[in-house]
Amino acid sequence: IDSIPIANGVIKAGGSCELIKYFHDKHDEFAAQVEQYDALIVRINPGQLSQGTTEGTQKRFDDLMNSLIAKGKAVWSSPGVQTNMGAKDALCKIANLKCGLVDTFAYYDAETLEKQFKQTM
């Protein structure tokens, strides 16, 4: 779990940080708890709450995060950012920057995977 090193980094940088787990059947309790924070670092992937949870859980969570943003609270990363720029896409988009890797690709179908992946070997 990368949440612990992230939290420790926030603390080491002088911030306060707590790990809070989200349970789909305790949404209202979670919502009340996070209201007290200035910011949230979200470690839930887009669509993750659509699997094995009550129908509509992902939308309720996303709506909560968006309502916090509307109140001026920082949410990293917001539902919109997660949906519009997934992790693979983000890495591909920075591939040619100094912090990126030029051989970073995302494959969305078997044909492209087979063709392009072999070229990188």
PDB file of N, CA and C in Angstrom:
ATOM      1  N   ILE A   1       0.852  -1.173   0.000  1.00  0.00           N
ATOM      2  CA  ILE A   1       0.000   0.000   0.000  1.00  0.00           C
ATOM      3  C   ILE A   1       0.895   1.233   0.000  1.00  0.00           C
ATOM      4  N   ASP A   2       0.660   2.106  -0.976  1.00  0.00           N
ATOM      5  CA  ASP A   2       1.471   3.315  -1.050  1.00  0.00           C
ATOM      6  C   ASP A   2       0.922   4.451  -0.201  1.00  0.00           C
ATOM      7  N   SER A   3      -0.221   4.263   0.420  1.00  0.00           N
ATOM      8  CA  SER A   3      -0.822   5.330   1.232  1.00  0.00           C
ATOM      9  C   SER A   3       0.045   5.694   2.432  1.00  0.00           C
ATOM     10  N   ILE A   4       0.677   4.726   3.044  1.00  0.00           N
ATOM     11  CA  ILE A   4       1.486   4.992   4.237  1.00  0.00           C
ATOM     12  C   ILE A   4       2.704   5.856   3.897  1.00  0.00           C
ATOM     13  N   PRO A   5       3.488   5.524   2.873  1.00  0.00           N
ATOM     14  CA  PRO A   5       4.611   6.411   2.534  1.00  0.00           C
ATOM     15  C   PRO A   5       4.155   7.802   2.105  1.00  0.00           C
ATOM     16  N   ILE A   6       3.017   7.889   1.436  1.00  0.00           N
ATOM     17  CA  ILE A   6       2.503   9.205   1.045  1.00  0.00           C
ATOM     18  C   ILE A   6       2.163  10.003   2.297  1.00  0.00           C
ATOM     19  N   ALA A   7       1.453   9.389   3.235  1.00  0.00           N
ATOM     20  CA  ALA A   7       1.098  10.066   4.488  1.00  0.00           C
ATOM     21  C   ALA A   7       2.351  10.479   5.250  1.00  0.00           C
ATOM     22  N   ASN A   8       3.332   9.599   5.308  1.00  0.00           N
ATOM     23  CA  ASN A   8       4.577   9.932   6.006  1.00  0.00           C
ATOM     24  C   ASN A   8       5.291  11.100   5.332  1.00  0.00           C
ATOM     25  N   GLY A   9       5.224  11.172   4.013  1.00  0.00           N
ATOM     26  CA  GLY A   9       5.824  12.292   3.293  1.00  0.00           C
ATOM     27  C   GLY A   9       5.144  13.612   3.626  1.00  0.00           C
ATOM     28  N   VAL A  10       3.809  13.586   3.732  1.00  0.00           N
ATOM     29  CA  VAL A  10       3.061  14.790   4.112  1.00  0.00           C
ATOM     30  C   VAL A  10       3.476  15.229   5.512  1.00  0.00           C
ATOM     31  N   ILE A  11       3.568  14.264   6.416  1.00  0.00           N
ATOM     32  CA  ILE A  11       3.952  14.562   7.801  1.00  0.00           C
ATOM     33  C   ILE A  11       5.383  15.094   7.856  1.00  0.00           C
ATOM     34  N   LYS A  12       6.289  14.457   7.126  1.00  0.00           N
ATOM     35  CA  LYS A  12       7.685  14.888   7.107  1.00  0.00           C
ATOM     36  C   LYS A  12       7.819  16.313   6.559  1.00  0.00           C
ATOM     37  N   ALA A  13       6.914  16.677   5.651  1.00  0.00           N
ATOM     38  CA  ALA A  13       6.937  18.025   5.071  1.00  0.00           C
ATOM     39  C   ALA A  13       6.281  19.053   5.993  1.00  0.00           C
ATOM     40  N   GLY A  14       5.808  18.596   7.156  1.00  0.00           N
ATOM     41  CA  GLY A  14       5.249  19.526   8.129  1.00  0.00           C
ATOM     42  C   GLY A  14       3.732  19.564   8.195  1.00  0.00           C
ATOM     43  N   GLY A  15       3.078  18.740   7.412  1.00  0.00           N
ATOM     44  CA  GLY A  15       1.615  18.705   7.428  1.00  0.00           C
ATOM     45  C   GLY A  15       1.095  17.654   8.387  1.00  0.00           C
ATOM     46  N   SER A  16      -0.172  17.666   8.576  1.00  0.00           N
ATOM     47  CA  SER A  16      -0.847  16.642   9.368  1.00  0.00           C
ATOM     48  C   SER A  16      -1.544  15.708   8.386  1.00  0.00           C
ATOM     49  N   CYS A  17      -1.528  14.427   8.665  1.00  0.00           N
ATOM     50  CA  CYS A  17      -2.115  13.478   7.721  1.00  0.00           C
ATOM     51  C   CYS A  17      -2.660  12.272   8.470  1.00  0.00           C
ATOM     52  N   GLU A  18      -3.857  11.871   8.111  1.00  0.00           N
ATOM     53  CA  GLU A  18      -4.489  10.695   8.692  1.00  0.00           C
ATOM     54  C   GLU A  18      -4.963   9.785   7.575  1.00  0.00           C
ATOM     55  N   LEU A  19      -4.881   8.483   7.786  1.00  0.00           N
ATOM     56  CA  LEU A  19      -5.408   7.521   6.824  1.00  0.00           C
ATOM     57  C   LEU A  19      -6.849   7.212   7.212  1.00  0.00           C
ATOM     58  N   ILE A  20      -7.741   7.348   6.254  1.00  0.00           N
ATOM     59  CA  ILE A  20      -9.153   7.070   6.481  1.00  0.00           C
ATOM     60  C   ILE A  20      -9.627   6.125   5.380  1.00  0.00           C
ATOM     61  N   LYS A  21     -10.208   5.019   5.764  1.00  0.00           N
ATOM     62  CA  LYS A  21     -10.741   4.079   4.777  1.00  0.00           C
ATOM     63  C   LYS A  21     -12.191   4.426   4.481  1.00  0.00           C
ATOM     64  N   TYR A  22     -12.558   4.234   3.230  1.00  0.00           N
ATOM     65  CA  TYR A  22     -13.932   4.473   2.797  1.00  0.00           C
ATOM     66  C   TYR A  22     -14.665   3.141   2.728  1.00  0.00           C
ATOM     67  N   PHE A  23     -15.805   3.074   3.391  1.00  0.00           N
ATOM     68  CA  PHE A  23     -16.668   1.893   3.338  1.00  0.00           C
ATOM     69  C   PHE A  23     -17.987   2.323   2.707  1.00  0.00           C
ATOM     70  N   HIS A  24     -18.378   1.647   1.649  1.00  0.00           N
ATOM     71  CA  HIS A  24     -19.569   2.066   0.903  1.00  0.00           C
ATOM     72  C   HIS A  24     -20.830   2.083   1.756  1.00  0.00           C
ATOM     73  N   ASP A  25     -20.881   1.254   2.768  1.00  0.00           N
ATOM     74  CA  ASP A  25     -22.070   1.210   3.616  1.00  0.00           C
ATOM     75  C   ASP A  25     -21.995   2.201   4.786  1.00  0.00           C
ATOM     76  N   LYS A  26     -20.924   3.002   4.829  1.00  0.00           N
ATOM     77  CA  LYS A  26     -20.769   4.031   5.862  1.00  0.00           C
ATOM     78  C   LYS A  26     -20.435   5.381   5.222  1.00  0.00           C
ATOM     79  N   HIS A  27     -21.044   5.632   4.070  1.00  0.00           N
ATOM     80  CA  HIS A  27     -20.757   6.846   3.303  1.00  0.00           C
ATOM     81  C   HIS A  27     -21.013   8.114   4.110  1.00  0.00           C
ATOM     82  N   ASP A  28     -22.156   8.185   4.762  1.00  0.00           N
ATOM     83  CA  ASP A  28     -22.508   9.408   5.494  1.00  0.00           C
ATOM     84  C   ASP A  28     -21.525   9.692   6.630  1.00  0.00           C
ATOM     85  N   GLU A  29     -21.064   8.647   7.306  1.00  0.00           N
ATOM     86  CA  GLU A  29     -20.070   8.822   8.377  1.00  0.00           C
ATOM     87  C   GLU A  29     -18.762   9.356   7.800  1.00  0.00           C
ATOM     88  N   PHE A  30     -18.347   8.802   6.669  1.00  0.00           N
ATOM     89  CA  PHE A  30     -17.129   9.251   6.000  1.00  0.00           C
ATOM     90  C   PHE A  30     -17.267  10.715   5.580  1.00  0.00           C
ATOM     91  N   ALA A  31     -18.415  11.037   4.980  1.00  0.00           N
ATOM     92  CA  ALA A  31     -18.652  12.408   4.514  1.00  0.00           C
ATOM     93  C   ALA A  31     -18.560  13.405   5.663  1.00  0.00           C
ATOM     94  N   ALA A  32     -19.147  13.061   6.796  1.00  0.00           N
ATOM     95  CA  ALA A  32     -19.094  13.952   7.961  1.00  0.00           C
ATOM     96  C   ALA A  32     -17.660  14.096   8.458  1.00  0.00           C
ATOM     97  N   GLN A  33     -16.900  13.001   8.432  1.00  0.00           N
ATOM     98  CA  GLN A  33     -15.527  13.034   8.931  1.00  0.00           C
ATOM     99  C   GLN A  33     -14.625  13.890   8.045  1.00  0.00           C
ATOM    100  N   VAL A  34     -14.742  13.763   6.730  1.00  0.00           N
ATOM    101  CA  VAL A  34     -13.816  14.480   5.845  1.00  0.00           C
ATOM    102  C   VAL A  34     -14.135  15.969   5.737  1.00  0.00           C
ATOM    103  N   GLU A  35     -15.303  16.376   6.169  1.00  0.00           N
ATOM    104  CA  GLU A  35     -15.653  17.805   6.164  1.00  0.00           C
ATOM    105  C   GLU A  35     -14.669  18.630   6.990  1.00  0.00           C
ATOM    106  N   GLN A  36     -14.060  18.013   8.010  1.00  0.00           N
ATOM    107  CA  GLN A  36     -13.171  18.753   8.910  1.00  0.00           C
ATOM    108  C   GLN A  36     -11.781  18.998   8.319  1.00  0.00           C
ATOM    109  N   TYR A  37     -11.459  18.346   7.217  1.00  0.00           N
ATOM    110  CA  TYR A  37     -10.120  18.462   6.639  1.00  0.00           C
ATOM    111  C   TYR A  37     -10.033  19.568   5.603  1.00  0.00           C
ATOM    112  N   ASP A  38      -8.835  20.126   5.453  1.00  0.00           N
ATOM    113  CA  ASP A  38      -8.580  21.147   4.440  1.00  0.00           C
ATOM    114  C   ASP A  38      -8.360  20.522   3.069  1.00  0.00           C
ATOM    115  N   ALA A  39      -7.866  19.294   3.054  1.00  0.00           N
ATOM    116  CA  ALA A  39      -7.516  18.636   1.796  1.00  0.00           C
ATOM    117  C   ALA A  39      -7.619  17.123   1.950  1.00  0.00           C
ATOM    118  N   LEU A  40      -7.769  16.461   0.804  1.00  0.00           N
ATOM    119  CA  LEU A  40      -7.821  14.995   0.777  1.00  0.00           C
ATOM    120  C   LEU A  40      -6.926  14.477  -0.335  1.00  0.00           C
ATOM    121  N   ILE A  41      -6.197  13.426  -0.046  1.00  0.00           N
ATOM    122  CA  ILE A  41      -5.442  12.700  -1.066  1.00  0.00           C
ATOM    123  C   ILE A  41      -6.209  11.403  -1.275  1.00  0.00           C
ATOM    124  N   VAL A  42      -6.801  11.262  -2.443  1.00  0.00           N
ATOM    125  CA  VAL A  42      -7.673  10.119  -2.733  1.00  0.00           C
ATOM    126  C   VAL A  42      -6.852   8.990  -3.345  1.00  0.00           C
ATOM    127  N   ARG A  43      -6.943   7.813  -2.758  1.00  0.00           N
ATOM    128  CA  ARG A  43      -6.221   6.647  -3.266  1.00  0.00           C
ATOM    129  C   ARG A  43      -7.199   5.585  -3.753  1.00  0.00           C
ATOM    130  N   ILE A  44      -8.288   6.028  -4.357  1.00  0.00           N
ATOM    131  CA  ILE A  44      -9.289   5.133  -4.926  1.00  0.00           C
ATOM    132  C   ILE A  44      -9.283   5.355  -6.430  1.00  0.00           C
ATOM    133  N   ASN A  45      -9.108   4.309  -7.193  1.00  0.00           N
ATOM    134  CA  ASN A  45      -9.073   4.425  -8.643  1.00  0.00           C
ATOM    135  C   ASN A  45     -10.473   4.625  -9.211  1.00  0.00           C
ATOM    136  N   PRO A  46     -10.578   5.299 -10.363  1.00  0.00           N
ATOM    137  CA  PRO A  46     -11.893   5.472 -10.991  1.00  0.00           C
ATOM    138  C   PRO A  46     -12.550   4.123 -11.262  1.00  0.00           C
ATOM    139  N   GLY A  47     -13.798   4.005 -10.879  1.00  0.00           N
ATOM    140  CA  GLY A  47     -14.535   2.759 -11.096  1.00  0.00           C
ATOM    141  C   GLY A  47     -14.324   1.710 -10.031  1.00  0.00           C
ATOM    142  N   GLN A  48     -13.352   1.895  -9.169  1.00  0.00           N
ATOM    143  CA  GLN A  48     -13.056   0.891  -8.135  1.00  0.00           C
ATOM    144  C   GLN A  48     -14.253   0.666  -7.212  1.00  0.00           C
ATOM    145  N   LEU A  49     -15.020   1.714  -6.975  1.00  0.00           N
ATOM    146  CA  LEU A  49     -16.160   1.596  -6.073  1.00  0.00           C
ATOM    147  C   LEU A  49     -17.410   1.084  -6.773  1.00  0.00           C
ATOM    148  N   SER A  50     -17.280   0.708  -8.037  1.00  0.00           N
ATOM    149  CA  SER A  50     -18.403   0.134  -8.780  1.00  0.00           C
ATOM    150  C   SER A  50     -18.385  -1.385  -8.719  1.00  0.00           C
ATOM    151  N   GLN A  51     -17.412  -1.937  -8.046  1.00  0.00           N
ATOM    152  CA  GLN A  51     -17.246  -3.391  -8.005  1.00  0.00           C
ATOM    153  C   GLN A  51     -17.467  -3.902  -6.583  1.00  0.00           C
ATOM    154  N   GLY A  52     -18.471  -4.729  -6.425  1.00  0.00           N
ATOM    155  CA  GLY A  52     -18.731  -5.350  -5.129  1.00  0.00           C
ATOM    156  C   GLY A  52     -19.298  -4.401  -4.087  1.00  0.00           C
ATOM    157  N   THR A  53     -19.909  -3.312  -4.533  1.00  0.00           N
ATOM    158  CA  THR A  53     -20.499  -2.340  -3.618  1.00  0.00           C
ATOM    159  C   THR A  53     -21.946  -2.082  -4.027  1.00  0.00           C
ATOM    160  N   THR A  54     -22.643  -1.352  -3.213  1.00  0.00           N
ATOM    161  CA  THR A  54     -24.014  -0.965  -3.520  1.00  0.00           C
ATOM    162  C   THR A  54     -24.032  -0.131  -4.799  1.00  0.00           C
ATOM    163  N   GLU A  55     -25.031  -0.347  -5.629  1.00  0.00           N
ATOM    164  CA  GLU A  55     -25.140   0.415  -6.877  1.00  0.00           C
ATOM    165  C   GLU A  55     -25.151   1.915  -6.581  1.00  0.00           C
ATOM    166  N   GLY A  56     -24.375   2.663  -7.349  1.00  0.00           N
ATOM    167  CA  GLY A  56     -24.312   4.107  -7.182  1.00  0.00           C
ATOM    168  C   GLY A  56     -23.223   4.581  -6.234  1.00  0.00           C
ATOM    169  N   THR A  57     -22.454   3.647  -5.670  1.00  0.00           N
ATOM    170  CA  THR A  57     -21.416   4.022  -4.703  1.00  0.00           C
ATOM    171  C   THR A  57     -20.370   4.937  -5.323  1.00  0.00           C
ATOM    172  N   GLN A  58     -19.899   4.619  -6.526  1.00  0.00           N
ATOM    173  CA  GLN A  58     -18.869   5.449  -7.163  1.00  0.00           C
ATOM    174  C   GLN A  58     -19.390   6.865  -7.375  1.00  0.00           C
ATOM    175  N   LYS A  59     -20.632   6.996  -7.828  1.00  0.00           N
ATOM    176  CA  LYS A  59     -21.215   8.316  -8.050  1.00  0.00           C
ATOM    177  C   LYS A  59     -21.353   9.076  -6.738  1.00  0.00           C
ATOM    178  N   ARG A  60     -21.787   8.416  -5.679  1.00  0.00           N
ATOM    179  CA  ARG A  60     -21.900   9.088  -4.376  1.00  0.00           C
ATOM    180  C   ARG A  60     -20.536   9.589  -3.907  1.00  0.00           C
ATOM    181  N   PHE A  61     -19.504   8.749  -4.056  1.00  0.00           N
ATOM    182  CA  PHE A  61     -18.150   9.147  -3.648  1.00  0.00           C
ATOM    183  C   PHE A  61     -17.668  10.325  -4.497  1.00  0.00           C
ATOM    184  N   ASP A  62     -17.825  10.214  -5.821  1.00  0.00           N
ATOM    185  CA  ASP A  62     -17.385  11.292  -6.716  1.00  0.00           C
ATOM    186  C   ASP A  62     -18.136  12.589  -6.427  1.00  0.00           C
ATOM    187  N   ASP A  63     -19.437  12.484  -6.202  1.00  0.00           N
ATOM    188  CA  ASP A  63     -20.225  13.672  -5.875  1.00  0.00           C
ATOM    189  C   ASP A  63     -19.732  14.319  -4.580  1.00  0.00           C
ATOM    190  N   LEU A  64     -19.369  13.498  -3.601  1.00  0.00           N
ATOM    191  CA  LEU A  64     -18.836  14.021  -2.340  1.00  0.00           C
ATOM    192  C   LEU A  64     -17.529  14.767  -2.584  1.00  0.00           C
ATOM    193  N   MET A  65     -16.617  14.164  -3.358  1.00  0.00           N
ATOM    194  CA  MET A  65     -15.340  14.821  -3.641  1.00  0.00           C
ATOM    195  C   MET A  65     -15.568  16.133  -4.384  1.00  0.00           C
ATOM    196  N   ASN A  66     -16.471  16.128  -5.356  1.00  0.00           N
ATOM    197  CA  ASN A  66     -16.760  17.355  -6.106  1.00  0.00           C
ATOM    198  C   ASN A  66     -17.391  18.424  -5.219  1.00  0.00           C
ATOM    199  N   SER A  67     -18.207  18.009  -4.243  1.00  0.00           N
ATOM    200  CA  SER A  67     -18.803  18.996  -3.329  1.00  0.00           C
ATOM    201  C   SER A  67     -17.736  19.614  -2.431  1.00  0.00           C
ATOM    202  N   LEU A  68     -16.738  18.820  -2.052  1.00  0.00           N
ATOM    203  CA  LEU A  68     -15.633  19.353  -1.241  1.00  0.00           C
ATOM    204  C   LEU A  68     -14.811  20.350  -2.052  1.00  0.00           C
ATOM    205  N   ILE A  69     -14.572  20.034  -3.304  1.00  0.00           N
ATOM    206  CA  ILE A  69     -13.848  20.950  -4.190  1.00  0.00           C
ATOM    207  C   ILE A  69     -14.625  22.257  -4.327  1.00  0.00           C
ATOM    208  N   ALA A  70     -15.939  22.162  -4.483  1.00  0.00           N
ATOM    209  CA  ALA A  70     -16.783  23.360  -4.619  1.00  0.00           C
ATOM    210  C   ALA A  70     -16.727  24.236  -3.370  1.00  0.00           C
ATOM    211  N   LYS A  71     -16.424  23.622  -2.227  1.00  0.00           N
ATOM    212  CA  LYS A  71     -16.304  24.372  -0.972  1.00  0.00           C
ATOM    213  C   LYS A  71     -14.903  24.937  -0.772  1.00  0.00           C
ATOM    214  N   GLY A  72     -14.020  24.714  -1.758  1.00  0.00           N
ATOM    215  CA  GLY A  72     -12.672  25.260  -1.679  1.00  0.00           C
ATOM    216  C   GLY A  72     -11.644  24.324  -1.077  1.00  0.00           C
ATOM    217  N   LYS A  73     -12.024  23.083  -0.847  1.00  0.00           N
ATOM    218  CA  LYS A  73     -11.074  22.112  -0.301  1.00  0.00           C
ATOM    219  C   LYS A  73     -10.291  21.475  -1.450  1.00  0.00           C
ATOM    220  N   ALA A  74      -9.036  21.171  -1.198  1.00  0.00           N
ATOM    221  CA  ALA A  74      -8.206  20.536  -2.222  1.00  0.00           C
ATOM    222  C   ALA A  74      -8.441  19.030  -2.190  1.00  0.00           C
ATOM    223  N   VAL A  75      -8.665  18.454  -3.357  1.00  0.00           N
ATOM    224  CA  VAL A  75      -8.834  17.004  -3.483  1.00  0.00           C
ATOM    225  C   VAL A  75      -7.890  16.546  -4.585  1.00  0.00           C
ATOM    226  N   TRP A  76      -6.920  15.703  -4.195  1.00  0.00           N
ATOM    227  CA  TRP A  76      -5.946  15.157  -5.169  1.00  0.00           C
ATOM    228  C   TRP A  76      -6.157  13.662  -5.290  1.00  0.00           C
ATOM    229  N   SER A  77      -6.413  13.148  -6.379  1.00  0.00           N
ATOM    230  CA  SER A  77      -6.827  13.862  -7.561  1.00  0.00           C
ATOM    231  C   SER A  77      -8.342  13.820  -7.652  1.00  0.00           C
ATOM    232  N   SER A  78      -8.884  14.841  -8.258  1.00  0.00           N
ATOM    233  CA  SER A  78     -10.333  14.976  -8.337  1.00  0.00           C
ATOM    234  C   SER A  78     -10.921  13.891  -9.240  1.00  0.00           C
ATOM    235  N   PRO A  79     -12.216  13.606  -9.083  1.00  0.00           N
ATOM    236  CA  PRO A  79     -12.842  12.617  -9.974  1.00  0.00           C
ATOM    237  C   PRO A  79     -12.675  12.973 -11.447  1.00  0.00           C
ATOM    238  N   GLY A  80     -12.777  14.265 -11.771  1.00  0.00           N
ATOM    239  CA  GLY A  80     -12.615  14.678 -13.165  1.00  0.00           C
ATOM    240  C   GLY A  80     -11.232  14.388 -13.706  1.00  0.00           C
ATOM    241  N   VAL A  81     -10.219  14.684 -12.924  1.00  0.00           N
ATOM    242  CA  VAL A  81      -8.840  14.402 -13.348  1.00  0.00           C
ATOM    243  C   VAL A  81      -8.629  12.899 -13.493  1.00  0.00           C
ATOM    244  N   GLN A  82      -9.114  12.128 -12.540  1.00  0.00           N
ATOM    245  CA  GLN A  82      -8.936  10.680 -12.599  1.00  0.00           C
ATOM    246  C   GLN A  82      -9.627  10.085 -13.818  1.00  0.00           C
ATOM    247  N   THR A  83     -10.807  10.586 -14.121  1.00  0.00           N
ATOM    248  CA  THR A  83     -11.560  10.053 -15.254  1.00  0.00           C
ATOM    249  C   THR A  83     -10.958  10.482 -16.583  1.00  0.00           C
ATOM    250  N   ASN A  84     -10.560  11.748 -16.676  1.00  0.00           N
ATOM    251  CA  ASN A  84     -10.076  12.279 -17.948  1.00  0.00           C
ATOM    252  C   ASN A  84      -8.603  12.027 -18.219  1.00  0.00           C
ATOM    253  N   MET A  85      -7.852  11.706 -17.184  1.00  0.00           N
ATOM    254  CA  MET A  85      -6.410  11.497 -17.374  1.00  0.00           C
ATOM    255  C   MET A  85      -5.967  10.371 -16.464  1.00  0.00           C
ATOM    256  N   GLY A  86      -6.265   9.154 -16.868  1.00  0.00           N
ATOM    257  CA  GLY A  86      -5.876   7.992 -16.083  1.00  0.00           C
ATOM    258  C   GLY A  86      -4.370   7.901 -15.944  1.00  0.00           C
ATOM    259  N   ALA A  87      -3.918   7.064 -15.037  1.00  0.00           N
ATOM    260  CA  ALA A  87      -2.490   6.957 -14.735  1.00  0.00           C
ATOM    261  C   ALA A  87      -1.664   6.624 -15.972  1.00  0.00           C
ATOM    262  N   LYS A  88      -2.135   5.686 -16.783  1.00  0.00           N
ATOM    263  CA  LYS A  88      -1.374   5.317 -17.975  1.00  0.00           C
ATOM    264  C   LYS A  88      -1.304   6.484 -18.950  1.00  0.00           C
ATOM    265  N   ASP A  89      -2.439   7.144 -19.143  1.00  0.00           N
ATOM    266  CA  ASP A  89      -2.453   8.284 -20.053  1.00  0.00           C
ATOM    267  C   ASP A  89      -1.538   9.394 -19.555  1.00  0.00           C
ATOM    268  N   ALA A  90      -1.553   9.644 -18.262  1.00  0.00           N
ATOM    269  CA  ALA A  90      -0.714  10.694 -17.690  1.00  0.00           C
ATOM    270  C   ALA A  90       0.756  10.398 -17.946  1.00  0.00           C
ATOM    271  N   LEU A  91       1.166   9.166 -17.744  1.00  0.00           N
ATOM    272  CA  LEU A  91       2.563   8.798 -17.964  1.00  0.00           C
ATOM    273  C   LEU A  91       2.930   8.939 -19.439  1.00  0.00           C
ATOM    274  N   CYS A  92       2.004   8.594 -20.320  1.00  0.00           N
ATOM    275  CA  CYS A  92       2.264   8.753 -21.755  1.00  0.00           C
ATOM    276  C   CYS A  92       2.385  10.223 -22.130  1.00  0.00           C
ATOM    277  N   LYS A  93       1.567  11.063 -21.523  1.00  0.00           N
ATOM    278  CA  LYS A  93       1.573  12.478 -21.854  1.00  0.00           C
ATOM    279  C   LYS A  93       2.848  13.189 -21.387  1.00  0.00           C
ATOM    280  N   ILE A  94       3.518  12.640 -20.383  1.00  0.00           N
ATOM    281  CA  ILE A  94       4.760  13.258 -19.917  1.00  0.00           C
ATOM    282  C   ILE A  94       5.995  12.514 -20.411  1.00  0.00           C
ATOM    283  N   ALA A  95       5.810  11.560 -21.294  1.00  0.00           N
ATOM    284  CA  ALA A  95       6.919  10.721 -21.760  1.00  0.00           C
ATOM    285  C   ALA A  95       8.099  11.520 -22.292  1.00  0.00           C
ATOM    286  N   ASN A  96       7.843  12.641 -22.937  1.00  0.00           N
ATOM    287  CA  ASN A  96       8.930  13.420 -23.540  1.00  0.00           C
ATOM    288  C   ASN A  96       9.425  14.572 -22.667  1.00  0.00           C
ATOM    289  N   LEU A  97       8.925  14.662 -21.457  1.00  0.00           N
ATOM    290  CA  LEU A  97       9.438  15.650 -20.514  1.00  0.00           C
ATOM    291  C   LEU A  97      10.658  15.072 -19.794  1.00  0.00           C
ATOM    292  N   LYS A  98      11.422  15.899 -19.105  1.00  0.00           N
ATOM    293  CA  LYS A  98      12.618  15.435 -18.395  1.00  0.00           C
ATOM    294  C   LYS A  98      12.284  14.381 -17.347  1.00  0.00           C
ATOM    295  N   CYS A  99      11.087  14.465 -16.765  1.00  0.00           N
ATOM    296  CA  CYS A  99      10.701  13.513 -15.726  1.00  0.00           C
ATOM    297  C   CYS A  99      10.054  12.262 -16.299  1.00  0.00           C
ATOM    298  N   GLY A 100       9.826  12.212 -17.610  1.00  0.00           N
ATOM    299  CA  GLY A 100       9.158  11.081 -18.236  1.00  0.00           C
ATOM    300  C   GLY A 100      10.123  10.064 -18.818  1.00  0.00           C
ATOM    301  N   LEU A 101       9.556   9.003 -19.339  1.00  0.00           N
ATOM    302  CA  LEU A 101      10.324   7.956 -20.018  1.00  0.00           C
ATOM    303  C   LEU A 101       9.792   7.848 -21.440  1.00  0.00           C
ATOM    304  N   VAL A 102      10.675   8.052 -22.413  1.00  0.00           N
ATOM    305  CA  VAL A 102      10.250   8.107 -23.815  1.00  0.00           C
ATOM    306  C   VAL A 102       9.662   6.796 -24.324  1.00  0.00           C
ATOM    307  N   ASP A 103       9.944   5.704 -23.657  1.00  0.00           N
ATOM    308  CA  ASP A 103       9.411   4.420 -24.101  1.00  0.00           C
ATOM    309  C   ASP A 103       8.157   4.006 -23.314  1.00  0.00           C
ATOM    310  N   THR A 104       7.382   4.994 -22.880  1.00  0.00           N
ATOM    311  CA  THR A 104       6.139   4.732 -22.164  1.00  0.00           C
ATOM    312  C   THR A 104       4.984   4.776 -23.149  1.00  0.00           C
ATOM    313  N   PHE A 105       4.201   3.707 -23.178  1.00  0.00           N
ATOM    314  CA  PHE A 105       3.064   3.608 -24.093  1.00  0.00           C
ATOM    315  C   PHE A 105       1.861   3.038 -23.349  1.00  0.00           C
ATOM    316  N   ALA A 106       0.688   3.282 -23.880  1.00  0.00           N
ATOM    317  CA  ALA A 106      -0.541   2.661 -23.383  1.00  0.00           C
ATOM    318  C   ALA A 106      -1.160   1.899 -24.543  1.00  0.00           C
ATOM    319  N   TYR A 107      -1.611   0.709 -24.277  1.00  0.00           N
ATOM    320  CA  TYR A 107      -2.195  -0.138 -25.309  1.00  0.00           C
ATOM    321  C   TYR A 107      -3.663  -0.371 -24.979  1.00  0.00           C
ATOM    322  N   TYR A 108      -4.533  -0.050 -25.938  1.00  0.00           N
ATOM    323  CA  TYR A 108      -5.965  -0.149 -25.691  1.00  0.00           C
ATOM    324  C   TYR A 108      -6.642  -1.248 -26.497  1.00  0.00           C
ATOM    325  N   ASP A 109      -5.860  -1.946 -27.310  1.00  0.00           N
ATOM    326  CA  ASP A 109      -6.412  -3.105 -28.020  1.00  0.00           C
ATOM    327  C   ASP A 109      -5.275  -4.082 -28.297  1.00  0.00           C
ATOM    328  N   ALA A 110      -5.643  -5.316 -28.562  1.00  0.00           N
ATOM    329  CA  ALA A 110      -4.652  -6.388 -28.738  1.00  0.00           C
ATOM    330  C   ALA A 110      -3.741  -6.132 -29.935  1.00  0.00           C
ATOM    331  N   GLU A 111      -4.289  -5.602 -31.014  1.00  0.00           N
ATOM    332  CA  GLU A 111      -3.493  -5.360 -32.218  1.00  0.00           C
ATOM    333  C   GLU A 111      -2.377  -4.352 -31.960  1.00  0.00           C
ATOM    334  N   THR A 112      -2.705  -3.259 -31.306  1.00  0.00           N
ATOM    335  CA  THR A 112      -1.705  -2.236 -30.996  1.00  0.00           C
ATOM    336  C   THR A 112      -0.669  -2.777 -30.027  1.00  0.00           C
ATOM    337  N   LEU A 113      -1.113  -3.514 -29.038  1.00  0.00           N
ATOM    338  CA  LEU A 113      -0.182  -4.118 -28.077  1.00  0.00           C
ATOM    339  C   LEU A 113       0.821  -5.001 -28.799  1.00  0.00           C
ATOM    340  N   GLU A 114       0.315  -5.879 -29.643  1.00  0.00           N
ATOM    341  CA  GLU A 114       1.200  -6.813 -30.337  1.00  0.00           C
ATOM    342  C   GLU A 114       2.185  -6.083 -31.247  1.00  0.00           C
ATOM    343  N   LYS A 115       1.710  -5.085 -31.966  1.00  0.00           N
ATOM    344  CA  LYS A 115       2.561  -4.366 -32.897  1.00  0.00           C
ATOM    345  C   LYS A 115       3.595  -3.488 -32.187  1.00  0.00           C
ATOM    346  N   GLN A 116       3.158  -2.639 -31.272  1.00  0.00           N
ATOM    347  CA  GLN A 116       4.054  -1.675 -30.651  1.00  0.00           C
ATOM    348  C   GLN A 116       4.921  -2.280 -29.542  1.00  0.00           C
ATOM    349  N   PHE A 117       4.386  -3.201 -28.793  1.00  0.00           N
ATOM    350  CA  PHE A 117       5.161  -3.786 -27.698  1.00  0.00           C
ATOM    351  C   PHE A 117       6.389  -4.506 -28.221  1.00  0.00           C
ATOM    352  N   LYS A 118       6.238  -5.234 -29.310  1.00  0.00           N
ATOM    353  CA  LYS A 118       7.362  -5.957 -29.894  1.00  0.00           C
ATOM    354  C   LYS A 118       8.448  -4.997 -30.362  1.00  0.00           C
ATOM    355  N   GLN A 119       8.077  -3.808 -30.793  1.00  0.00           N
ATOM    356  CA  GLN A 119       9.063  -2.825 -31.255  1.00  0.00           C
ATOM    357  C   GLN A 119       9.909  -2.280 -30.109  1.00  0.00           C
ATOM    358  N   THR A 120       9.407  -2.381 -28.897  1.00  0.00           N
ATOM    359  CA  THR A 120      10.160  -1.835 -27.758  1.00  0.00           C
ATOM    360  C   THR A 120      11.080  -2.864 -27.125  1.00  0.00           C
ATOM    361  N   MET A 121      11.016  -4.058 -27.577  1.00  0.00           N
ATOM    362  CA  MET A 121      11.829  -5.146 -26.992  1.00  0.00           C
ATOM    363  C   MET A 121      13.240  -5.134 -27.534  1.00  0.00           C
TER     364      MET A 121
END
